[in-house]
N, C-alpha and C. Protein backbone atom coordinates (compact mmCIF):
# COMPACT_ATOMS: atom_id res chain seq x y z
N MET A 1 -39.29 -47.90 91.49
CA MET A 1 -40.34 -48.26 90.86
C MET A 1 -41.30 -47.12 91.39
N VAL A 2 -42.46 -46.57 90.44
CA VAL A 2 -43.48 -46.22 91.38
C VAL A 2 -44.47 -46.64 90.72
N GLU A 3 -45.29 -47.09 91.35
CA GLU A 3 -46.86 -47.91 90.74
C GLU A 3 -47.92 -47.25 90.71
N VAL A 4 -48.55 -47.25 90.08
CA VAL A 4 -49.71 -46.25 89.63
C VAL A 4 -50.93 -46.75 89.22
N ASP A 5 -52.16 -46.23 89.77
CA ASP A 5 -53.40 -46.50 89.52
C ASP A 5 -54.09 -45.50 88.20
N GLU A 6 -53.62 -45.84 86.80
CA GLU A 6 -53.66 -44.68 85.76
C GLU A 6 -55.59 -44.42 85.50
N ALA A 7 -56.35 -45.65 85.44
CA ALA A 7 -57.34 -45.34 85.83
C ALA A 7 -58.06 -43.70 86.47
N ARG A 8 -57.54 -44.21 87.81
CA ARG A 8 -57.52 -43.10 89.18
C ARG A 8 -56.17 -42.18 88.99
N ARG A 9 -55.43 -42.09 88.22
CA ARG A 9 -54.44 -40.86 88.17
C ARG A 9 -53.83 -40.92 89.05
N GLN A 10 -53.49 -42.28 90.12
CA GLN A 10 -53.12 -41.90 91.24
C GLN A 10 -51.61 -42.57 91.80
N ILE A 11 -51.00 -42.27 92.39
CA ILE A 11 -49.53 -42.74 92.72
C ILE A 11 -49.87 -43.58 93.90
N LEU A 12 -49.76 -45.45 93.62
CA LEU A 12 -49.78 -46.11 94.79
C LEU A 12 -48.58 -46.57 95.49
N GLN A 13 -47.43 -46.13 95.08
CA GLN A 13 -46.68 -46.55 96.01
C GLN A 13 -45.21 -46.28 95.36
N THR A 14 -43.75 -46.37 96.17
CA THR A 14 -42.35 -45.95 95.20
C THR A 14 -42.12 -46.88 95.97
N SER A 15 -41.03 -48.01 95.26
CA SER A 15 -39.83 -48.82 95.64
C SER A 15 -39.06 -48.70 95.22
N TYR A 16 -37.55 -49.23 95.80
CA TYR A 16 -36.64 -49.26 95.23
C TYR A 16 -36.03 -50.40 95.41
N SER A 17 -35.48 -51.30 94.49
CA SER A 17 -34.79 -52.44 94.02
C SER A 17 -33.43 -52.29 93.40
N THR A 18 -32.92 -53.16 93.70
CA THR A 18 -31.59 -53.53 93.02
C THR A 18 -31.47 -54.34 91.93
N PRO A 19 -31.38 -53.33 90.93
CA PRO A 19 -31.34 -53.71 89.34
C PRO A 19 -30.33 -54.84 88.94
N PRO A 20 -30.42 -55.95 88.06
CA PRO A 20 -29.32 -57.22 88.06
C PRO A 20 -28.38 -56.32 87.32
N ALA A 21 -27.06 -57.04 87.01
CA ALA A 21 -26.03 -56.52 86.13
C ALA A 21 -26.26 -56.05 84.84
N HIS A 22 -25.17 -54.86 84.47
CA HIS A 22 -26.10 -53.81 83.39
C HIS A 22 -25.71 -54.85 82.09
N GLU A 23 -26.49 -55.65 81.22
CA GLU A 23 -25.66 -56.18 80.30
C GLU A 23 -26.75 -55.74 79.45
N PRO A 24 -26.87 -56.17 77.71
CA PRO A 24 -27.94 -56.07 76.57
C PRO A 24 -29.16 -56.84 77.45
N GLY A 25 -30.50 -56.30 77.16
CA GLY A 25 -31.49 -57.01 77.32
C GLY A 25 -31.66 -57.51 78.17
N VAL A 26 -30.74 -57.32 79.89
CA VAL A 26 -31.05 -57.86 80.87
C VAL A 26 -32.23 -56.51 81.80
N LEU A 27 -31.94 -55.54 81.81
CA LEU A 27 -32.82 -54.85 82.57
C LEU A 27 -34.25 -54.75 82.17
N PRO A 28 -34.80 -54.80 80.55
CA PRO A 28 -35.92 -54.48 79.85
C PRO A 28 -36.35 -55.80 80.40
N LYS A 29 -35.99 -57.22 80.72
CA LYS A 29 -36.16 -58.34 80.94
C LYS A 29 -36.76 -58.60 82.32
N TRP A 30 -35.64 -57.65 82.99
CA TRP A 30 -36.21 -58.08 84.51
C TRP A 30 -36.89 -56.76 85.05
N LEU A 31 -37.48 -55.93 84.07
CA LEU A 31 -38.75 -54.69 84.61
C LEU A 31 -39.69 -55.44 84.36
N TYR A 32 -39.40 -56.11 83.25
CA TYR A 32 -41.00 -56.80 82.46
C TYR A 32 -41.80 -57.86 83.55
N ASP A 33 -40.50 -58.73 84.02
CA ASP A 33 -40.83 -59.25 84.97
C ASP A 33 -41.34 -59.01 86.25
N GLN A 34 -40.87 -57.52 86.67
CA GLN A 34 -41.75 -56.95 87.75
C GLN A 34 -42.78 -56.16 87.60
N GLY A 35 -43.67 -56.36 86.53
CA GLY A 35 -44.77 -55.83 85.78
C GLY A 35 -44.47 -54.85 85.29
N VAL A 36 -43.70 -54.04 85.08
CA VAL A 36 -43.78 -52.81 84.63
C VAL A 36 -44.20 -52.64 83.26
N HIS A 37 -45.21 -51.68 83.26
CA HIS A 37 -45.97 -51.33 81.40
C HIS A 37 -45.58 -50.33 80.79
N VAL A 38 -44.84 -49.01 81.79
CA VAL A 38 -44.46 -48.14 80.77
C VAL A 38 -42.60 -47.56 81.83
N VAL A 39 -41.85 -47.31 80.98
CA VAL A 39 -40.55 -46.92 81.39
C VAL A 39 -39.84 -45.06 81.06
N ILE A 40 -40.39 -44.23 81.97
CA ILE A 40 -40.22 -43.13 81.64
C ILE A 40 -38.17 -43.01 81.90
N SER A 41 -38.08 -42.13 80.93
CA SER A 41 -35.96 -42.27 81.25
C SER A 41 -35.48 -40.64 80.62
N GLY A 42 -34.36 -40.02 81.34
CA GLY A 42 -33.87 -39.00 80.72
C GLY A 42 -33.71 -39.36 79.42
N GLY A 43 -32.64 -40.21 79.23
CA GLY A 43 -32.41 -40.88 77.71
C GLY A 43 -32.08 -42.36 77.76
N MET A 44 -32.20 -42.72 76.43
CA MET A 44 -31.94 -44.33 76.17
C MET A 44 -31.36 -44.55 74.76
N GLY A 45 -30.67 -45.43 74.96
CA GLY A 45 -30.22 -45.55 73.42
C GLY A 45 -31.18 -46.38 72.34
N ARG A 46 -31.23 -46.68 71.41
CA ARG A 46 -32.76 -47.09 70.36
C ARG A 46 -32.49 -48.57 70.69
N ARG A 47 -31.45 -49.33 70.99
CA ARG A 47 -31.16 -50.72 71.19
C ARG A 47 -31.79 -51.26 72.34
N ALA A 48 -31.83 -50.44 73.36
CA ALA A 48 -32.33 -50.56 74.83
C ALA A 48 -34.12 -50.42 74.49
N SER A 49 -34.67 -49.31 73.65
CA SER A 49 -35.93 -48.90 73.35
C SER A 49 -36.53 -50.10 72.47
N GLU A 50 -35.93 -50.91 71.83
CA GLU A 50 -35.78 -51.92 71.26
C GLU A 50 -36.75 -53.02 72.46
N PHE A 51 -35.65 -53.29 72.96
CA PHE A 51 -36.10 -54.19 74.01
C PHE A 51 -36.84 -54.13 74.65
N PHE A 52 -37.00 -52.80 75.27
CA PHE A 52 -38.70 -52.59 76.02
C PHE A 52 -39.68 -52.71 74.95
N ARG A 53 -39.76 -52.56 73.66
CA ARG A 53 -40.40 -52.28 72.83
C ARG A 53 -41.23 -53.83 72.90
N ILE A 54 -40.15 -54.63 72.27
CA ILE A 54 -40.22 -56.01 71.76
C ILE A 54 -40.98 -56.53 73.26
N LEU A 55 -40.98 -56.59 74.31
CA LEU A 55 -41.41 -57.25 75.44
C LEU A 55 -42.87 -56.16 75.94
N GLY A 56 -43.06 -54.96 75.33
CA GLY A 56 -44.50 -54.74 75.30
C GLY A 56 -44.78 -53.41 76.26
N ILE A 57 -43.28 -53.10 76.33
CA ILE A 57 -43.37 -52.00 77.46
C ILE A 57 -43.32 -50.54 76.98
N ARG A 58 -44.01 -49.60 77.32
CA ARG A 58 -43.65 -48.28 76.51
C ARG A 58 -42.82 -47.58 77.10
N VAL A 59 -41.97 -46.66 75.77
CA VAL A 59 -41.04 -46.02 76.51
C VAL A 59 -40.92 -44.45 76.71
N VAL A 60 -40.79 -43.71 76.99
CA VAL A 60 -40.81 -42.37 76.78
C VAL A 60 -39.58 -41.93 77.26
N VAL A 61 -38.62 -41.43 76.45
CA VAL A 61 -37.95 -40.75 76.82
C VAL A 61 -37.47 -39.15 76.70
N GLY A 62 -36.42 -38.47 77.41
CA GLY A 62 -36.53 -37.35 77.38
C GLY A 62 -37.17 -36.26 78.60
N ALA A 63 -37.49 -37.41 79.40
CA ALA A 63 -37.85 -36.88 80.74
C ALA A 63 -37.09 -35.48 81.25
N PRO A 64 -37.73 -34.83 82.33
CA PRO A 64 -37.13 -34.06 83.25
C PRO A 64 -36.34 -34.73 84.08
N ALA A 65 -35.27 -33.97 84.76
CA ALA A 65 -34.56 -34.58 85.84
C ALA A 65 -35.38 -34.02 87.35
N GLU A 66 -36.28 -34.71 87.64
CA GLU A 66 -37.01 -34.76 88.64
C GLU A 66 -37.31 -35.71 89.50
N THR A 67 -37.91 -35.46 90.35
CA THR A 67 -37.91 -37.05 91.66
C THR A 67 -38.82 -38.19 90.75
N PRO A 68 -38.76 -39.49 90.74
CA PRO A 68 -39.69 -40.10 90.29
C PRO A 68 -41.24 -39.88 90.27
N GLU A 69 -41.69 -39.42 91.35
CA GLU A 69 -42.99 -39.08 91.77
C GLU A 69 -43.29 -38.04 91.10
N GLN A 70 -42.42 -36.98 91.32
CA GLN A 70 -42.89 -35.78 90.13
C GLN A 70 -43.09 -36.34 88.46
N VAL A 71 -42.54 -36.92 88.42
CA VAL A 71 -42.30 -37.40 86.77
C VAL A 71 -43.96 -38.09 86.15
N ALA A 72 -43.93 -39.01 87.60
CA ALA A 72 -45.18 -39.81 87.67
C ALA A 72 -46.17 -39.18 87.69
N ALA A 73 -46.49 -38.07 88.42
CA ALA A 73 -47.28 -37.51 88.70
C ALA A 73 -47.80 -36.73 87.30
N ALA A 74 -46.91 -36.09 86.78
CA ALA A 74 -46.90 -35.60 85.51
C ALA A 74 -47.30 -36.45 84.17
N PHE A 75 -47.09 -37.57 83.96
CA PHE A 75 -47.20 -38.58 83.28
C PHE A 75 -48.37 -38.83 83.14
N LEU A 76 -49.34 -39.11 84.56
CA LEU A 76 -50.52 -39.39 85.09
C LEU A 76 -51.87 -38.43 84.73
N SER A 77 -51.17 -37.10 85.12
CA SER A 77 -51.62 -36.11 84.60
C SER A 77 -51.88 -35.47 83.15
N GLY A 78 -50.95 -35.99 82.01
CA GLY A 78 -50.94 -35.55 81.04
C GLY A 78 -50.23 -34.52 80.56
N SER A 79 -49.48 -33.79 81.51
CA SER A 79 -48.73 -32.80 81.66
C SER A 79 -46.51 -32.78 81.28
N LEU A 80 -46.65 -34.24 81.15
CA LEU A 80 -45.57 -34.77 80.95
C LEU A 80 -44.90 -34.19 79.69
N VAL A 81 -43.65 -33.49 79.52
CA VAL A 81 -42.76 -32.64 78.49
C VAL A 81 -41.70 -33.49 78.47
N ALA A 82 -41.65 -34.29 77.35
CA ALA A 82 -40.46 -35.38 77.06
C ALA A 82 -39.94 -34.08 76.52
N GLY A 83 -38.34 -33.85 76.68
CA GLY A 83 -37.32 -33.35 75.97
C GLY A 83 -36.75 -34.22 74.85
N GLU A 84 -35.85 -33.39 74.47
CA GLU A 84 -34.53 -34.49 73.60
C GLU A 84 -33.90 -36.05 74.45
N ASN A 85 -34.01 -36.56 73.51
CA ASN A 85 -33.06 -38.22 73.92
C ASN A 85 -31.60 -37.42 73.86
N PRO A 86 -30.84 -37.24 74.98
CA PRO A 86 -29.69 -37.32 74.82
C PRO A 86 -28.40 -38.51 74.69
N CYS A 87 -29.04 -39.91 74.47
CA CYS A 87 -28.49 -40.44 73.75
C CYS A 87 -28.55 -40.79 72.69
N ASP A 88 -27.27 -41.19 71.64
CA ASP A 88 -27.50 -41.00 70.14
C ASP A 88 -26.97 -42.41 69.83
N HIS A 89 -26.80 -43.42 71.00
CA HIS A 89 -26.39 -45.07 70.23
C HIS A 89 -27.23 -45.86 70.12
């Protein structure tokens, strides 16, 4: 996870955690409990996107394959270009 200060457009810290087992709805709830407000992904299925949206987490898909810090910096600066969502399920 990349923690940012959106108002100052700064990355505060990056941390890595082991997520729970992959089951429908588990990861969105876990990220919500971690205080996540935005998820930026290369691709995501519609059902997963809906789980995030129900929890009030903004979803951005089609992100480039770059480091988390590069993607977060682009997001903060407004220069993140989201491409196609490769997931179709």
